[in-house]
Amino acid sequence: MPRVRLRVVFGPEEMMGPGKAELLERIAGTGSIAAAGRSMGMSYKRAWQLVETLNAMFREPLVESTRGGAKGGGARLTEAGEAVLAEYRALEAEARRAGGPHIERLQKLLRDIS
């Protein structure tokens, strides 16, 4: 089944795509950057780099984190993070809806693939 993977390129270094959206969702679900990264098979360092990139891209940070300690640290999406994630997912859904007929026509032109 074909799928649409959408990447929005805002500038040379600024882009939002399915990986960053998934990371935001997993941070929201786990309350942890490390756990979110692990669940995606990425290192803690890589997850943190992506969060730092996202926080720097937008006017307001998308993720807030607290340092570990006796009670442990954590992370959560900010209001801006929730808004960015919701807009990205809505854009994806709209692209799938609008692109559906085009994808069907393209699929009919494909060779048989087993």
N, C-alpha and C. Protein backbone atom coordinates (compact mmCIF):
# COMPACT_ATOMS: atom_id res chain seq x y z
N MET A 1 0.84 -1.18 0.00
CA MET A 1 0.00 0.00 0.00
C MET A 1 0.88 1.25 0.00
N PRO A 2 0.74 2.11 -0.96
CA PRO A 2 1.55 3.33 -0.98
C PRO A 2 1.19 4.25 0.18
N ARG A 3 2.16 5.05 0.57
CA ARG A 3 1.91 6.01 1.64
C ARG A 3 2.58 7.32 1.29
N VAL A 4 2.10 8.37 1.87
CA VAL A 4 2.66 9.70 1.65
C VAL A 4 3.52 10.04 2.85
N ARG A 5 4.75 10.43 2.59
CA ARG A 5 5.65 10.91 3.65
C ARG A 5 5.95 12.36 3.31
N LEU A 6 5.56 13.24 4.17
CA LEU A 6 5.62 14.66 3.90
C LEU A 6 6.74 15.32 4.69
N ARG A 7 7.57 16.06 4.00
CA ARG A 7 8.62 16.85 4.65
C ARG A 7 8.41 18.30 4.22
N VAL A 8 8.30 19.19 5.20
CA VAL A 8 8.14 20.61 4.93
C VAL A 8 9.50 21.27 5.15
N VAL A 9 10.03 21.86 4.10
CA VAL A 9 11.34 22.51 4.17
C VAL A 9 11.12 24.01 4.27
N PHE A 10 11.48 24.57 5.42
CA PHE A 10 11.31 26.00 5.66
C PHE A 10 12.53 26.80 5.24
N GLY A 11 13.68 26.17 5.26
CA GLY A 11 14.94 26.82 4.92
C GLY A 11 16.02 25.77 4.80
N PRO A 12 17.26 26.19 4.60
CA PRO A 12 18.35 25.23 4.37
C PRO A 12 18.52 24.21 5.50
N GLU A 13 18.32 24.62 6.72
CA GLU A 13 18.50 23.72 7.87
C GLU A 13 17.19 23.44 8.60
N GLU A 14 16.13 24.13 8.23
CA GLU A 14 14.87 24.03 8.97
C GLU A 14 13.86 23.20 8.20
N MET A 15 13.55 22.03 8.74
CA MET A 15 12.53 21.20 8.12
C MET A 15 11.78 20.42 9.18
N MET A 16 10.56 20.06 8.82
CA MET A 16 9.71 19.26 9.69
C MET A 16 9.24 18.08 8.87
N GLY A 17 9.45 16.88 9.39
CA GLY A 17 9.05 15.69 8.67
C GLY A 17 8.50 14.64 9.60
N PRO A 18 8.26 13.45 9.07
CA PRO A 18 7.63 12.40 9.87
C PRO A 18 8.44 11.96 11.08
N GLY A 19 9.76 11.98 10.97
CA GLY A 19 10.58 11.56 12.12
C GLY A 19 10.48 12.52 13.28
N LYS A 20 10.55 13.81 13.01
CA LYS A 20 10.44 14.80 14.09
C LYS A 20 9.04 14.78 14.68
N ALA A 21 8.03 14.61 13.84
CA ALA A 21 6.65 14.55 14.34
C ALA A 21 6.49 13.34 15.26
N GLU A 22 7.04 12.20 14.84
CA GLU A 22 6.94 10.99 15.67
C GLU A 22 7.68 11.20 16.99
N LEU A 23 8.84 11.83 16.95
CA LEU A 23 9.58 12.10 18.18
C LEU A 23 8.74 12.96 19.13
N LEU A 24 8.12 14.00 18.60
CA LEU A 24 7.26 14.84 19.44
C LEU A 24 6.12 14.02 20.06
N GLU A 25 5.49 13.18 19.25
CA GLU A 25 4.40 12.34 19.76
C GLU A 25 4.89 11.41 20.87
N ARG A 26 6.05 10.84 20.67
CA ARG A 26 6.57 9.90 21.66
C ARG A 26 7.02 10.61 22.93
N ILE A 27 7.53 11.83 22.80
CA ILE A 27 7.87 12.61 24.00
C ILE A 27 6.59 12.89 24.78
N ALA A 28 5.54 13.28 24.05
CA ALA A 28 4.25 13.54 24.72
C ALA A 28 3.74 12.28 25.42
N GLY A 29 3.94 11.14 24.79
CA GLY A 29 3.44 9.88 25.35
C GLY A 29 4.25 9.33 26.50
N THR A 30 5.57 9.54 26.45
CA THR A 30 6.44 8.94 27.48
C THR A 30 6.86 9.93 28.55
N GLY A 31 6.82 11.23 28.23
CA GLY A 31 7.30 12.22 29.19
C GLY A 31 8.81 12.23 29.30
N SER A 32 9.49 11.69 28.28
CA SER A 32 10.94 11.56 28.33
C SER A 32 11.54 11.62 26.93
N ILE A 33 12.56 12.43 26.76
CA ILE A 33 13.26 12.50 25.48
C ILE A 33 14.03 11.19 25.26
N ALA A 34 14.68 10.70 26.32
CA ALA A 34 15.46 9.47 26.21
C ALA A 34 14.56 8.29 25.83
N ALA A 35 13.43 8.15 26.52
CA ALA A 35 12.52 7.02 26.24
C ALA A 35 11.93 7.15 24.85
N ALA A 36 11.60 8.37 24.44
CA ALA A 36 11.05 8.58 23.10
C ALA A 36 12.08 8.16 22.05
N GLY A 37 13.32 8.60 22.22
CA GLY A 37 14.38 8.24 21.28
C GLY A 37 14.61 6.74 21.24
N ARG A 38 14.70 6.12 22.42
CA ARG A 38 14.91 4.66 22.50
C ARG A 38 13.82 3.92 21.76
N SER A 39 12.58 4.36 21.93
CA SER A 39 11.46 3.65 21.30
C SER A 39 11.50 3.79 19.78
N MET A 40 12.28 4.75 19.29
CA MET A 40 12.43 4.94 17.85
C MET A 40 13.75 4.37 17.35
N GLY A 41 14.52 3.77 18.25
CA GLY A 41 15.80 3.19 17.87
C GLY A 41 16.90 4.21 17.65
N MET A 42 16.79 5.36 18.31
CA MET A 42 17.84 6.37 18.16
C MET A 42 18.51 6.63 19.51
N SER A 43 19.71 7.12 19.44
CA SER A 43 20.45 7.41 20.66
C SER A 43 19.85 8.61 21.37
N TYR A 44 20.15 8.68 22.65
CA TYR A 44 19.72 9.82 23.47
C TYR A 44 20.28 11.11 22.87
N LYS A 45 21.55 11.06 22.45
CA LYS A 45 22.19 12.24 21.88
C LYS A 45 21.45 12.71 20.62
N ARG A 46 21.09 11.79 19.75
CA ARG A 46 20.38 12.15 18.52
C ARG A 46 19.00 12.72 18.83
N ALA A 47 18.29 12.12 19.77
CA ALA A 47 16.97 12.62 20.16
C ALA A 47 17.10 14.05 20.70
N TRP A 48 18.10 14.29 21.54
CA TRP A 48 18.32 15.63 22.08
C TRP A 48 18.67 16.62 20.97
N GLN A 49 19.49 16.20 20.02
CA GLN A 49 19.84 17.10 18.90
C GLN A 49 18.59 17.50 18.12
N LEU A 50 17.70 16.55 17.87
CA LEU A 50 16.48 16.86 17.14
C LEU A 50 15.58 17.80 17.94
N VAL A 51 15.50 17.59 19.24
CA VAL A 51 14.70 18.48 20.09
C VAL A 51 15.30 19.88 20.07
N GLU A 52 16.61 19.98 20.18
CA GLU A 52 17.26 21.30 20.14
C GLU A 52 17.01 21.98 18.80
N THR A 53 17.06 21.23 17.71
CA THR A 53 16.78 21.78 16.38
C THR A 53 15.35 22.30 16.32
N LEU A 54 14.41 21.49 16.77
CA LEU A 54 13.01 21.90 16.76
C LEU A 54 12.79 23.14 17.62
N ASN A 55 13.38 23.16 18.81
CA ASN A 55 13.21 24.31 19.70
C ASN A 55 13.79 25.58 19.09
N ALA A 56 14.86 25.45 18.33
CA ALA A 56 15.50 26.61 17.71
C ALA A 56 14.74 27.08 16.46
N MET A 57 14.03 26.17 15.80
CA MET A 57 13.33 26.49 14.55
C MET A 57 12.14 27.41 14.76
N PHE A 58 11.44 27.23 15.84
CA PHE A 58 10.18 27.94 16.05
C PHE A 58 10.36 29.08 17.05
N ARG A 59 9.43 30.01 17.02
CA ARG A 59 9.50 31.19 17.90
C ARG A 59 9.56 30.82 19.37
N GLU A 60 8.82 29.77 19.70
CA GLU A 60 8.78 29.30 21.09
C GLU A 60 9.25 27.85 21.11
N PRO A 61 9.86 27.41 22.20
CA PRO A 61 10.29 26.01 22.29
C PRO A 61 9.09 25.06 22.16
N LEU A 62 9.33 23.91 21.54
CA LEU A 62 8.28 22.90 21.39
C LEU A 62 8.31 21.88 22.52
N VAL A 63 9.49 21.73 23.12
CA VAL A 63 9.67 20.75 24.20
C VAL A 63 10.34 21.44 25.38
N GLU A 64 9.79 21.21 26.57
CA GLU A 64 10.41 21.67 27.82
C GLU A 64 10.91 20.44 28.55
N SER A 65 12.08 20.56 29.13
CA SER A 65 12.61 19.41 29.88
C SER A 65 13.08 19.85 31.25
N THR A 66 13.07 18.90 32.17
CA THR A 66 13.60 19.14 33.50
C THR A 66 14.71 18.13 33.74
N ARG A 67 15.74 18.58 34.42
CA ARG A 67 16.89 17.72 34.69
C ARG A 67 16.52 16.58 35.62
N GLY A 68 17.27 15.50 35.49
CA GLY A 68 17.08 14.35 36.37
C GLY A 68 17.54 14.69 37.77
N GLY A 69 17.34 13.82 38.66
CA GLY A 69 17.72 14.01 40.05
C GLY A 69 17.06 12.91 40.86
N ALA A 70 16.81 13.19 42.11
CA ALA A 70 16.19 12.18 42.98
C ALA A 70 14.83 11.75 42.42
N LYS A 71 14.08 12.70 41.89
CA LYS A 71 12.75 12.37 41.36
C LYS A 71 12.79 12.10 39.86
N GLY A 72 13.96 12.19 39.26
CA GLY A 72 14.08 11.95 37.82
C GLY A 72 13.67 13.18 37.02
N GLY A 73 14.13 13.24 35.80
CA GLY A 73 13.80 14.36 34.93
C GLY A 73 12.59 14.02 34.10
N GLY A 74 12.34 14.85 33.14
CA GLY A 74 11.21 14.59 32.27
C GLY A 74 11.15 15.62 31.16
N ALA A 75 10.22 15.42 30.27
CA ALA A 75 10.03 16.34 29.16
C ALA A 75 8.56 16.35 28.79
N ARG A 76 8.13 17.47 28.26
CA ARG A 76 6.75 17.58 27.81
C ARG A 76 6.68 18.54 26.64
N LEU A 77 5.64 18.38 25.83
CA LEU A 77 5.42 19.33 24.75
C LEU A 77 4.83 20.60 25.35
N THR A 78 5.26 21.72 24.84
CA THR A 78 4.67 22.99 25.22
C THR A 78 3.40 23.18 24.39
N GLU A 79 2.69 24.26 24.66
CA GLU A 79 1.52 24.58 23.86
C GLU A 79 1.92 24.74 22.39
N ALA A 80 3.06 25.38 22.17
CA ALA A 80 3.56 25.55 20.79
C ALA A 80 3.89 24.19 20.18
N GLY A 81 4.46 23.28 20.96
CA GLY A 81 4.77 21.94 20.47
C GLY A 81 3.52 21.18 20.07
N GLU A 82 2.50 21.29 20.88
CA GLU A 82 1.24 20.63 20.56
C GLU A 82 0.63 21.22 19.30
N ALA A 83 0.73 22.55 19.14
CA ALA A 83 0.17 23.21 17.96
C ALA A 83 0.93 22.81 16.69
N VAL A 84 2.26 22.79 16.76
CA VAL A 84 3.06 22.41 15.60
C VAL A 84 2.76 20.97 15.20
N LEU A 85 2.70 20.08 16.17
CA LEU A 85 2.41 18.68 15.88
C LEU A 85 1.02 18.53 15.26
N ALA A 86 0.04 19.21 15.82
CA ALA A 86 -1.33 19.12 15.29
C ALA A 86 -1.39 19.66 13.86
N GLU A 87 -0.72 20.77 13.58
CA GLU A 87 -0.74 21.34 12.23
C GLU A 87 -0.03 20.43 11.24
N TYR A 88 1.08 19.85 11.64
CA TYR A 88 1.80 18.94 10.76
C TYR A 88 0.94 17.71 10.44
N ARG A 89 0.32 17.13 11.46
CA ARG A 89 -0.52 15.94 11.24
C ARG A 89 -1.73 16.30 10.37
N ALA A 90 -2.31 17.49 10.55
CA ALA A 90 -3.43 17.92 9.71
C ALA A 90 -2.99 18.09 8.26
N LEU A 91 -1.80 18.64 8.07
CA LEU A 91 -1.25 18.81 6.72
C LEU A 91 -1.03 17.45 6.06
N GLU A 92 -0.50 16.50 6.82
CA GLU A 92 -0.31 15.13 6.31
C GLU A 92 -1.65 14.53 5.86
N ALA A 93 -2.65 14.65 6.71
CA ALA A 93 -3.97 14.09 6.40
C ALA A 93 -4.55 14.73 5.14
N GLU A 94 -4.40 16.03 5.02
CA GLU A 94 -4.91 16.74 3.84
C GLU A 94 -4.15 16.31 2.58
N ALA A 95 -2.85 16.12 2.70
CA ALA A 95 -2.05 15.67 1.55
C ALA A 95 -2.47 14.26 1.12
N ARG A 96 -2.73 13.38 2.10
CA ARG A 96 -3.20 12.03 1.77
C ARG A 96 -4.55 12.08 1.06
N ARG A 97 -5.46 12.91 1.59
CA ARG A 97 -6.80 13.01 1.01
C ARG A 97 -6.72 13.56 -0.41
N ALA A 98 -6.01 14.67 -0.58
CA ALA A 98 -5.92 15.31 -1.90
C ALA A 98 -5.10 14.47 -2.88
N GLY A 99 -4.11 13.77 -2.37
CA GLY A 99 -3.24 12.99 -3.25
C GLY A 99 -3.75 11.61 -3.59
N GLY A 100 -4.75 11.14 -2.87
CA GLY A 100 -5.26 9.79 -3.07
C GLY A 100 -5.54 9.42 -4.51
N PRO A 101 -6.34 10.21 -5.24
CA PRO A 101 -6.62 9.88 -6.63
C PRO A 101 -5.36 9.85 -7.51
N HIS A 102 -4.43 10.74 -7.25
CA HIS A 102 -3.19 10.79 -8.02
C HIS A 102 -2.34 9.54 -7.74
N ILE A 103 -2.30 9.15 -6.49
CA ILE A 103 -1.54 7.95 -6.12
C ILE A 103 -2.15 6.72 -6.78
N GLU A 104 -3.48 6.65 -6.79
CA GLU A 104 -4.14 5.51 -7.46
C GLU A 104 -3.76 5.45 -8.93
N ARG A 105 -3.77 6.59 -9.60
CA ARG A 105 -3.43 6.62 -11.03
C ARG A 105 -1.97 6.25 -11.24
N LEU A 106 -1.09 6.75 -10.38
CA LEU A 106 0.32 6.38 -10.48
C LEU A 106 0.51 4.88 -10.25
N GLN A 107 -0.22 4.35 -9.28
CA GLN A 107 -0.10 2.93 -8.97
C GLN A 107 -0.49 2.07 -10.16
N LYS A 108 -1.50 2.49 -10.90
CA LYS A 108 -1.95 1.73 -12.08
C LYS A 108 -0.89 1.73 -13.18
N LEU A 109 0.02 2.69 -13.14
CA LEU A 109 1.07 2.78 -14.15
C LEU A 109 2.33 1.99 -13.76
N LEU A 110 2.36 1.48 -12.53
CA LEU A 110 3.52 0.72 -12.06
C LEU A 110 3.59 -0.64 -12.73
N ARG A 111 4.80 -1.17 -12.84
CA ARG A 111 4.97 -2.56 -13.21
C ARG A 111 4.48 -3.40 -12.05
N ASP A 112 4.21 -4.67 -12.30
CA ASP A 112 3.83 -5.56 -11.20
C ASP A 112 5.01 -5.69 -10.24
N ILE A 113 4.75 -5.42 -9.00
CA ILE A 113 5.81 -5.57 -7.96
C ILE A 113 5.31 -6.58 -6.96
N SER A 114 6.10 -7.62 -6.73
CA SER A 114 5.68 -8.68 -5.80
C SER A 114 6.13 -8.35 -4.41
